[in-house]
Amino acid sequence: MSTRSCPDWPDLLERAPDLLFKHYTVAEAQLPAEVLTQLQDVSLDGIEICCDLDKHVFNVEHTDQGVADALRDSHWYDLREWEARGPGSAA
């Protein structure tokens, strides 16, 4: 699996010090089936997600819009939601 740290890591580290954001293709991230079924007619190797895979938090600014929309309907957090109302709001 090829991954790379998000180029916005300094800002992300300030906003969410407990998270480690990396860029993955959707195929590499192995997202849940309910998300993948919403991503029809696209190459899963051709679209990216910026996220912390362990904590299920994604950075919408660096994530394909279709992927972000599908993730919002799952157990994943948009970083802004995680900061405001999720586990990150306690930080």
PDB file of N, CA and C in Angstrom:
ATOM      1  N   MET A   1       0.856  -1.172   0.000  1.00  0.00           N
ATOM      2  CA  MET A   1       0.000   0.000   0.000  1.00  0.00           C
ATOM      3  C   MET A   1       0.898   1.230   0.000  1.00  0.00           C
ATOM      4  N   SER A   2       0.701   2.094  -0.960  1.00  0.00           N
ATOM      5  CA  SER A   2       1.493   3.327  -0.977  1.00  0.00           C
ATOM      6  C   SER A   2       0.685   4.440  -0.325  1.00  0.00           C
ATOM      7  N   THR A   3       1.288   5.067   0.657  1.00  0.00           N
ATOM      8  CA  THR A   3       0.626   6.171   1.357  1.00  0.00           C
ATOM      9  C   THR A   3       1.594   7.325   1.450  1.00  0.00           C
ATOM     10  N   ARG A   4       1.042   8.475   1.676  1.00  0.00           N
ATOM     11  CA  ARG A   4       1.889   9.638   1.891  1.00  0.00           C
ATOM     12  C   ARG A   4       1.183  10.582   2.859  1.00  0.00           C
ATOM     13  N   SER A   5       1.995  11.242   3.651  1.00  0.00           N
ATOM     14  CA  SER A   5       1.444  12.200   4.606  1.00  0.00           C
ATOM     15  C   SER A   5       0.791  13.347   3.860  1.00  0.00           C
ATOM     16  N   CYS A   6      -0.253  13.874   4.449  1.00  0.00           N
ATOM     17  CA  CYS A   6      -0.952  15.013   3.863  1.00  0.00           C
ATOM     18  C   CYS A   6      -0.023  16.226   3.884  1.00  0.00           C
ATOM     19  N   PRO A   7       0.053  16.983   2.777  1.00  0.00           N
ATOM     20  CA  PRO A   7       0.916  18.163   2.767  1.00  0.00           C
ATOM     21  C   PRO A   7       0.473  19.246   3.755  1.00  0.00           C
ATOM     22  N   ASP A   8      -0.763  19.177   4.221  1.00  0.00           N
ATOM     23  CA  ASP A   8      -1.263  20.140   5.210  1.00  0.00           C
ATOM     24  C   ASP A   8      -1.063  19.642   6.644  1.00  0.00           C
ATOM     25  N   TRP A   9      -0.129  18.703   6.840  1.00  0.00           N
ATOM     26  CA  TRP A   9       0.035  18.100   8.159  1.00  0.00           C
ATOM     27  C   TRP A   9       0.296  19.103   9.275  1.00  0.00           C
ATOM     28  N   PRO A  10       1.019  20.209   9.073  1.00  0.00           N
ATOM     29  CA  PRO A  10       1.204  21.129  10.214  1.00  0.00           C
ATOM     30  C   PRO A  10      -0.133  21.702  10.720  1.00  0.00           C
ATOM     31  N   ASP A  11      -0.997  22.110   9.793  1.00  0.00           N
ATOM     32  CA  ASP A  11      -2.318  22.630  10.177  1.00  0.00           C
ATOM     33  C   ASP A  11      -3.168  21.534  10.802  1.00  0.00           C
ATOM     34  N   LEU A  12      -3.134  20.360  10.215  1.00  0.00           N
ATOM     35  CA  LEU A  12      -3.934  19.249  10.732  1.00  0.00           C
ATOM     36  C   LEU A  12      -3.452  18.816  12.111  1.00  0.00           C
ATOM     37  N   LEU A  13      -2.163  18.874  12.339  1.00  0.00           N
ATOM     38  CA  LEU A  13      -1.617  18.521  13.647  1.00  0.00           C
ATOM     39  C   LEU A  13      -2.091  19.488  14.723  1.00  0.00           C
ATOM     40  N   GLU A  14      -2.211  20.758  14.355  1.00  0.00           N
ATOM     41  CA  GLU A  14      -2.741  21.749  15.298  1.00  0.00           C
ATOM     42  C   GLU A  14      -4.214  21.506  15.588  1.00  0.00           C
ATOM     43  N   ARG A  15      -4.963  21.213  14.541  1.00  0.00           N
ATOM     44  CA  ARG A  15      -6.411  21.025  14.676  1.00  0.00           C
ATOM     45  C   ARG A  15      -6.766  19.708  15.351  1.00  0.00           C
ATOM     46  N   ALA A  16      -6.005  18.665  15.055  1.00  0.00           N
ATOM     47  CA  ALA A  16      -6.335  17.328  15.549  1.00  0.00           C
ATOM     48  C   ALA A  16      -5.047  16.569  15.873  1.00  0.00           C
ATOM     49  N   PRO A  17      -4.419  16.882  17.003  1.00  0.00           N
ATOM     50  CA  PRO A  17      -3.121  16.283  17.321  1.00  0.00           C
ATOM     51  C   PRO A  17      -3.136  14.762  17.494  1.00  0.00           C
ATOM     52  N   ASP A  18      -4.301  14.181  17.737  1.00  0.00           N
ATOM     53  CA  ASP A  18      -4.395  12.733  17.924  1.00  0.00           C
ATOM     54  C   ASP A  18      -4.574  11.972  16.612  1.00  0.00           C
ATOM     55  N   LEU A  19      -4.664  12.695  15.497  1.00  0.00           N
ATOM     56  CA  LEU A  19      -4.914  12.055  14.210  1.00  0.00           C
ATOM     57  C   LEU A  19      -3.698  12.161  13.306  1.00  0.00           C
ATOM     58  N   LEU A  20      -3.556  11.195  12.405  1.00  0.00           N
ATOM     59  CA  LEU A  20      -2.475  11.186  11.425  1.00  0.00           C
ATOM     60  C   LEU A  20      -3.103  11.039  10.043  1.00  0.00           C
ATOM     61  N   PHE A  21      -3.144  12.133   9.298  1.00  0.00           N
ATOM     62  CA  PHE A  21      -3.778  12.153   7.994  1.00  0.00           C
ATOM     63  C   PHE A  21      -2.789  11.775   6.901  1.00  0.00           C
ATOM     64  N   LYS A  22      -3.212  10.827   6.070  1.00  0.00           N
ATOM     65  CA  LYS A  22      -2.429  10.395   4.912  1.00  0.00           C
ATOM     66  C   LYS A  22      -3.354  10.322   3.709  1.00  0.00           C
ATOM     67  N   HIS A  23      -2.750  10.370   2.541  1.00  0.00           N
ATOM     68  CA  HIS A  23      -3.511  10.260   1.299  1.00  0.00           C
ATOM     69  C   HIS A  23      -3.454   8.815   0.807  1.00  0.00           C
ATOM     70  N   TYR A  24      -4.607   8.300   0.434  1.00  0.00           N
ATOM     71  CA  TYR A  24      -4.742   6.943  -0.090  1.00  0.00           C
ATOM     72  C   TYR A  24      -5.634   6.999  -1.324  1.00  0.00           C
ATOM     73  N   THR A  25      -5.517   5.995  -2.181  1.00  0.00           N
ATOM     74  CA  THR A  25      -6.573   5.825  -3.173  1.00  0.00           C
ATOM     75  C   THR A  25      -7.716   5.156  -2.419  1.00  0.00           C
ATOM     76  N   VAL A  26      -8.904   5.248  -2.952  1.00  0.00           N
ATOM     77  CA  VAL A  26     -10.050   4.614  -2.297  1.00  0.00           C
ATOM     78  C   VAL A  26      -9.844   3.101  -2.237  1.00  0.00           C
ATOM     79  N   ALA A  27      -9.233   2.538  -3.271  1.00  0.00           N
ATOM     80  CA  ALA A  27      -8.967   1.092  -3.265  1.00  0.00           C
ATOM     81  C   ALA A  27      -8.027   0.723  -2.118  1.00  0.00           C
ATOM     82  N   GLU A  28      -6.985   1.509  -1.882  1.00  0.00           N
ATOM     83  CA  GLU A  28      -6.040   1.241  -0.800  1.00  0.00           C
ATOM     84  C   GLU A  28      -6.693   1.357   0.573  1.00  0.00           C
ATOM     85  N   ALA A  29      -7.601   2.303   0.718  1.00  0.00           N
ATOM     86  CA  ALA A  29      -8.214   2.566   2.024  1.00  0.00           C
ATOM     87  C   ALA A  29      -9.165   1.466   2.467  1.00  0.00           C
ATOM     88  N   GLN A  30      -9.621   0.642   1.541  1.00  0.00           N
ATOM     89  CA  GLN A  30     -10.531  -0.454   1.866  1.00  0.00           C
ATOM     90  C   GLN A  30     -11.721   0.040   2.696  1.00  0.00           C
ATOM     91  N   LEU A  31     -12.437   0.975   2.126  1.00  0.00           N
ATOM     92  CA  LEU A  31     -13.597   1.571   2.794  1.00  0.00           C
ATOM     93  C   LEU A  31     -14.727   0.560   2.913  1.00  0.00           C
ATOM     94  N   PRO A  32     -15.688   0.804   3.812  1.00  0.00           N
ATOM     95  CA  PRO A  32     -16.795  -0.128   4.011  1.00  0.00           C
ATOM     96  C   PRO A  32     -17.652  -0.281   2.751  1.00  0.00           C
ATOM     97  N   ALA A  33     -18.289  -1.435   2.642  1.00  0.00           N
ATOM     98  CA  ALA A  33     -19.104  -1.748   1.468  1.00  0.00           C
ATOM     99  C   ALA A  33     -20.206  -0.726   1.241  1.00  0.00           C
ATOM    100  N   GLU A  34     -20.811  -0.203   2.304  1.00  0.00           N
ATOM    101  CA  GLU A  34     -21.899   0.766   2.123  1.00  0.00           C
ATOM    102  C   GLU A  34     -21.401   2.061   1.482  1.00  0.00           C
ATOM    103  N   VAL A  35     -20.129   2.367   1.651  1.00  0.00           N
ATOM    104  CA  VAL A  35     -19.536   3.534   0.992  1.00  0.00           C
ATOM    105  C   VAL A  35     -19.228   3.195  -0.462  1.00  0.00           C
ATOM    106  N   LEU A  36     -18.609   2.059  -0.688  1.00  0.00           N
ATOM    107  CA  LEU A  36     -18.213   1.664  -2.039  1.00  0.00           C
ATOM    108  C   LEU A  36     -19.394   1.513  -2.984  1.00  0.00           C
ATOM    109  N   THR A  37     -20.527   1.063  -2.471  1.00  0.00           N
ATOM    110  CA  THR A  37     -21.695   0.897  -3.340  1.00  0.00           C
ATOM    111  C   THR A  37     -22.224   2.236  -3.845  1.00  0.00           C
ATOM    112  N   GLN A  38     -21.896   3.323  -3.164  1.00  0.00           N
ATOM    113  CA  GLN A  38     -22.326   4.649  -3.606  1.00  0.00           C
ATOM    114  C   GLN A  38     -21.373   5.250  -4.637  1.00  0.00           C
ATOM    115  N   LEU A  39     -20.250   4.599  -4.865  1.00  0.00           N
ATOM    116  CA  LEU A  39     -19.232   5.106  -5.785  1.00  0.00           C
ATOM    117  C   LEU A  39     -19.253   4.294  -7.067  1.00  0.00           C
ATOM    118  N   GLN A  40     -20.274   4.464  -7.845  1.00  0.00           N
ATOM    119  CA  GLN A  40     -20.414   3.702  -9.078  1.00  0.00           C
ATOM    120  C   GLN A  40     -19.824   4.477 -10.244  1.00  0.00           C
ATOM    121  N   ASP A  41     -19.375   3.749 -11.237  1.00  0.00           N
ATOM    122  CA  ASP A  41     -18.831   4.319 -12.469  1.00  0.00           C
ATOM    123  C   ASP A  41     -17.582   5.164 -12.237  1.00  0.00           C
ATOM    124  N   VAL A  42     -16.794   4.841 -11.214  1.00  0.00           N
ATOM    125  CA  VAL A  42     -15.517   5.510 -10.994  1.00  0.00           C
ATOM    126  C   VAL A  42     -14.455   4.447 -10.721  1.00  0.00           C
ATOM    127  N   SER A  43     -13.224   4.772 -11.024  1.00  0.00           N
ATOM    128  CA  SER A  43     -12.107   3.879 -10.722  1.00  0.00           C
ATOM    129  C   SER A  43     -11.661   4.123  -9.290  1.00  0.00           C
ATOM    130  N   LEU A  44     -11.726   3.105  -8.464  1.00  0.00           N
ATOM    131  CA  LEU A  44     -11.336   3.253  -7.060  1.00  0.00           C
ATOM    132  C   LEU A  44      -9.840   3.496  -6.914  1.00  0.00           C
ATOM    133  N   ASP A  45      -9.077   3.199  -7.957  1.00  0.00           N
ATOM    134  CA  ASP A  45      -7.643   3.497  -7.955  1.00  0.00           C
ATOM    135  C   ASP A  45      -7.361   4.920  -8.421  1.00  0.00           C
ATOM    136  N   GLY A  46      -8.383   5.604  -8.924  1.00  0.00           N
ATOM    137  CA  GLY A  46      -8.177   6.930  -9.486  1.00  0.00           C
ATOM    138  C   GLY A  46      -8.669   8.079  -8.638  1.00  0.00           C
ATOM    139  N   ILE A  47      -9.298   7.781  -7.517  1.00  0.00           N
ATOM    140  CA  ILE A  47      -9.789   8.854  -6.648  1.00  0.00           C
ATOM    141  C   ILE A  47      -9.156   8.712  -5.266  1.00  0.00           C
ATOM    142  N   GLU A  48      -8.958   9.852  -4.616  1.00  0.00           N
ATOM    143  CA  GLU A  48      -8.225   9.859  -3.355  1.00  0.00           C
ATOM    144  C   GLU A  48      -9.084  10.230  -2.157  1.00  0.00           C
ATOM    145  N   ILE A  49      -8.577   9.785  -1.021  1.00  0.00           N
ATOM    146  CA  ILE A  49      -9.135  10.167   0.271  1.00  0.00           C
ATOM    147  C   ILE A  49      -7.962  10.574   1.160  1.00  0.00           C
ATOM    148  N   CYS A  50      -8.158  11.626   1.915  1.00  0.00           N
ATOM    149  CA  CYS A  50      -7.189  12.075   2.912  1.00  0.00           C
ATOM    150  C   CYS A  50      -7.829  11.761   4.261  1.00  0.00           C
ATOM    151  N   CYS A  51      -7.179  10.894   5.037  1.00  0.00           N
ATOM    152  CA  CYS A  51      -7.861  10.444   6.248  1.00  0.00           C
ATOM    153  C   CYS A  51      -6.903   9.852   7.269  1.00  0.00           C
ATOM    154  N   ASP A  52      -7.447   9.634   8.449  1.00  0.00           N
ATOM    155  CA  ASP A  52      -6.834   8.801   9.464  1.00  0.00           C
ATOM    156  C   ASP A  52      -7.642   7.510   9.442  1.00  0.00           C
ATOM    157  N   LEU A  53      -7.059   6.457   8.878  1.00  0.00           N
ATOM    158  CA  LEU A  53      -7.795   5.198   8.719  1.00  0.00           C
ATOM    159  C   LEU A  53      -8.203   4.576  10.047  1.00  0.00           C
ATOM    160  N   ASP A  54      -7.357   4.695  11.051  1.00  0.00           N
ATOM    161  CA  ASP A  54      -7.652   4.065  12.342  1.00  0.00           C
ATOM    162  C   ASP A  54      -8.808   4.721  13.078  1.00  0.00           C
ATOM    163  N   LYS A  55      -8.911   6.047  12.969  1.00  0.00           N
ATOM    164  CA  LYS A  55      -9.944   6.783  13.709  1.00  0.00           C
ATOM    165  C   LYS A  55     -11.184   7.076  12.862  1.00  0.00           C
ATOM    166  N   HIS A  56     -11.137   6.734  11.557  1.00  0.00           N
ATOM    167  CA  HIS A  56     -12.265   6.946  10.644  1.00  0.00           C
ATOM    168  C   HIS A  56     -12.655   8.416  10.524  1.00  0.00           C
ATOM    169  N   VAL A  57     -11.638   9.250  10.306  1.00  0.00           N
ATOM    170  CA  VAL A  57     -11.850  10.687  10.124  1.00  0.00           C
ATOM    171  C   VAL A  57     -11.229  11.072   8.789  1.00  0.00           C
ATOM    172  N   PHE A  58     -11.989  11.827   7.966  1.00  0.00           N
ATOM    173  CA  PHE A  58     -11.464  12.243   6.670  1.00  0.00           C
ATOM    174  C   PHE A  58     -11.424  13.762   6.571  1.00  0.00           C
ATOM    175  N   ASN A  59     -10.476  14.239   5.773  1.00  0.00           N
ATOM    176  CA  ASN A  59     -10.303  15.662   5.519  1.00  0.00           C
ATOM    177  C   ASN A  59     -11.004  15.972   4.199  1.00  0.00           C
ATOM    178  N   VAL A  60     -12.135  16.625   4.258  1.00  0.00           N
ATOM    179  CA  VAL A  60     -12.947  16.887   3.073  1.00  0.00           C
ATOM    180  C   VAL A  60     -12.203  17.748   2.058  1.00  0.00           C
ATOM    181  N   GLU A  61     -11.278  18.576   2.511  1.00  0.00           N
ATOM    182  CA  GLU A  61     -10.548  19.462   1.610  1.00  0.00           C
ATOM    183  C   GLU A  61      -9.656  18.706   0.634  1.00  0.00           C
ATOM    184  N   HIS A  62      -9.246  17.490   0.977  1.00  0.00           N
ATOM    185  CA  HIS A  62      -8.372  16.697   0.122  1.00  0.00           C
ATOM    186  C   HIS A  62      -9.003  15.363  -0.261  1.00  0.00           C
ATOM    187  N   THR A  63     -10.311  15.272  -0.181  1.00  0.00           N
ATOM    188  CA  THR A  63     -11.009  14.027  -0.501  1.00  0.00           C
ATOM    189  C   THR A  63     -11.980  14.279  -1.639  1.00  0.00           C
ATOM    190  N   ASP A  64     -12.023  13.346  -2.572  1.00  0.00           N
ATOM    191  CA  ASP A  64     -12.968  13.434  -3.682  1.00  0.00           C
ATOM    192  C   ASP A  64     -14.383  13.685  -3.139  1.00  0.00           C
ATOM    193  N   GLN A  65     -15.115  14.595  -3.765  1.00  0.00           N
ATOM    194  CA  GLN A  65     -16.438  14.991  -3.262  1.00  0.00           C
ATOM    195  C   GLN A  65     -17.408  13.813  -3.172  1.00  0.00           C
ATOM    196  N   GLY A  66     -17.404  12.944  -4.160  1.00  0.00           N
ATOM    197  CA  GLY A  66     -18.287  11.773  -4.115  1.00  0.00           C
ATOM    198  C   GLY A  66     -17.959  10.851  -2.953  1.00  0.00           C
ATOM    199  N   VAL A  67     -16.676  10.681  -2.678  1.00  0.00           N
ATOM    200  CA  VAL A  67     -16.244   9.858  -1.548  1.00  0.00           C
ATOM    201  C   VAL A  67     -16.673  10.518  -0.241  1.00  0.00           C
ATOM    202  N   ALA A  68     -16.460  11.819  -0.131  1.00  0.00           N
ATOM    203  CA  ALA A  68     -16.848  12.547   1.086  1.00  0.00           C
ATOM    204  C   ALA A  68     -18.346  12.420   1.343  1.00  0.00           C
ATOM    205  N   ASP A  69     -19.150  12.562   0.299  1.00  0.00           N
ATOM    206  CA  ASP A  69     -20.605  12.432   0.462  1.00  0.00           C
ATOM    207  C   ASP A  69     -20.976  11.037   0.943  1.00  0.00           C
ATOM    208  N   ALA A  70     -20.351  10.020   0.376  1.00  0.00           N
ATOM    209  CA  ALA A  70     -20.644   8.640   0.778  1.00  0.00           C
ATOM    210  C   ALA A  70     -20.192   8.382   2.215  1.00  0.00           C
ATOM    211  N   LEU A  71     -19.043   8.923   2.601  1.00  0.00           N
ATOM    212  CA  LEU A  71     -18.541   8.716   3.961  1.00  0.00           C
ATOM    213  C   LEU A  71     -19.430   9.370   5.005  1.00  0.00           C
ATOM    214  N   ARG A  72     -20.038  10.490   4.670  1.00  0.00           N
ATOM    215  CA  ARG A  72     -20.920  11.174   5.631  1.00  0.00           C
ATOM    216  C   ARG A  72     -22.129  10.323   6.006  1.00  0.00           C
ATOM    217  N   ASP A  73     -22.509   9.408   5.130  1.00  0.00           N
ATOM    218  CA  ASP A  73     -23.640   8.517   5.408  1.00  0.00           C
ATOM    219  C   ASP A  73     -23.201   7.252   6.135  1.00  0.00           C
ATOM    220  N   SER A  74     -21.959   7.211   6.585  1.00  0.00           N
ATOM    221  CA  SER A  74     -21.435   6.031   7.278  1.00  0.00           C
ATOM    222  C   SER A  74     -20.989   6.430   8.687  1.00  0.00           C
ATOM    223  N   HIS A  75     -20.205   5.573   9.308  1.00  0.00           N
ATOM    224  CA  HIS A  75     -19.701   5.836  10.660  1.00  0.00           C
ATOM    225  C   HIS A  75     -18.465   6.731  10.660  1.00  0.00           C
ATOM    226  N   TRP A  76     -18.022   7.174   9.487  1.00  0.00           N
ATOM    227  CA  TRP A  76     -16.858   8.052   9.381  1.00  0.00           C
ATOM    228  C   TRP A  76     -17.211   9.493   9.738  1.00  0.00           C
ATOM    229  N   TYR A  77     -16.224  10.214  10.245  1.00  0.00           N
ATOM    230  CA  TYR A  77     -16.378  11.630  10.578  1.00  0.00           C
ATOM    231  C   TYR A  77     -15.679  12.505   9.548  1.00  0.00           C
ATOM    232  N   ASP A  78     -16.336  13.567   9.134  1.00  0.00           N
ATOM    233  CA  ASP A  78     -15.681  14.686   8.461  1.00  0.00           C
ATOM    234  C   ASP A  78     -14.856  15.356   9.560  1.00  0.00           C
ATOM    235  N   LEU A  79     -13.653  15.786   9.281  1.00  0.00           N
ATOM    236  CA  LEU A  79     -12.807  16.404  10.296  1.00  0.00           C
ATOM    237  C   LEU A  79     -13.512  17.547  11.020  1.00  0.00           C
ATOM    238  N   ARG A  80     -14.263  18.348  10.273  1.00  0.00           N
ATOM    239  CA  ARG A  80     -14.969  19.477  10.907  1.00  0.00           C
ATOM    240  C   ARG A  80     -16.009  18.976  11.905  1.00  0.00           C
ATOM    241  N   GLU A  81     -16.705  17.912  11.574  1.00  0.00           N
ATOM    242  CA  GLU A  81     -17.687  17.320  12.487  1.00  0.00           C
ATOM    243  C   GLU A  81     -16.973  16.714  13.698  1.00  0.00           C
ATOM    244  N   TRP A  82     -15.860  16.050  13.455  1.00  0.00           N
ATOM    245  CA  TRP A  82     -15.086  15.422  14.528  1.00  0.00           C
ATOM    246  C   TRP A  82     -14.621  16.477  15.533  1.00  0.00           C
ATOM    247  N   GLU A  83     -14.200  17.640  15.019  1.00  0.00           N
ATOM    248  CA  GLU A  83     -13.751  18.727  15.891  1.00  0.00           C
ATOM    249  C   GLU A  83     -14.908  19.336  16.679  1.00  0.00           C
ATOM    250  N   ALA A  84     -16.070  19.476  16.036  1.00  0.00           N
ATOM    251  CA  ALA A  84     -17.195  20.180  16.649  1.00  0.00           C
ATOM    252  C   ALA A  84     -18.038  19.310  17.579  1.00  0.00           C
ATOM    253  N   ARG A  85     -18.343  18.071  17.128  1.00  0.00           N
ATOM    254  CA  ARG A  85     -19.302  17.270  17.891  1.00  0.00           C
ATOM    255  C   ARG A  85     -18.837  15.864  18.206  1.00  0.00           C
ATOM    256  N   GLY A  86     -17.730  15.453  17.615  1.00  0.00           N
ATOM    257  CA  GLY A  86     -17.255  14.089  17.798  1.00  0.00           C
ATOM    258  C   GLY A  86     -16.231  13.986  18.905  1.00  0.00           C
ATOM    259  N   PRO A  87     -15.476  12.895  18.895  1.00  0.00           N
ATOM    260  CA  PRO A  87     -14.460  12.687  19.917  1.00  0.00           C
ATOM    261  C   PRO A  87     -13.426  13.806  19.988  1.00  0.00           C
ATOM    262  N   GLY A  88     -13.184  14.490  18.887  1.00  0.00           N
ATOM    263  CA  GLY A  88     -12.208  15.567  18.871  1.00  0.00           C
ATOM    264  C   GLY A  88     -12.670  16.820  19.567  1.00  0.00           C
ATOM    265  N   SER A  89     -13.949  16.933  19.870  1.00  0.00           N
ATOM    266  CA  SER A  89     -14.453  18.151  20.529  1.00  0.00           C
ATOM    267  C   SER A  89     -13.965  18.254  21.960  1.00  0.00           C
ATOM    268  N   ALA A  90     -13.542  17.154  22.548  1.00  0.00           N
ATOM    269  CA  ALA A  90     -13.030  17.171  23.920  1.00  0.00           C
ATOM    270  C   ALA A  90     -11.585  17.655  23.995  1.00  0.00           C
ATOM    271  N   ALA A  91     -10.914  17.653  22.841  1.00  0.00           N
ATOM    272  CA  ALA A  91      -9.483  18.033  22.820  1.00  0.00           C
ATOM    273  C   ALA A  91      -9.290  19.520  23.008  1.00  0.00           C
TER     274      ALA A  91
END
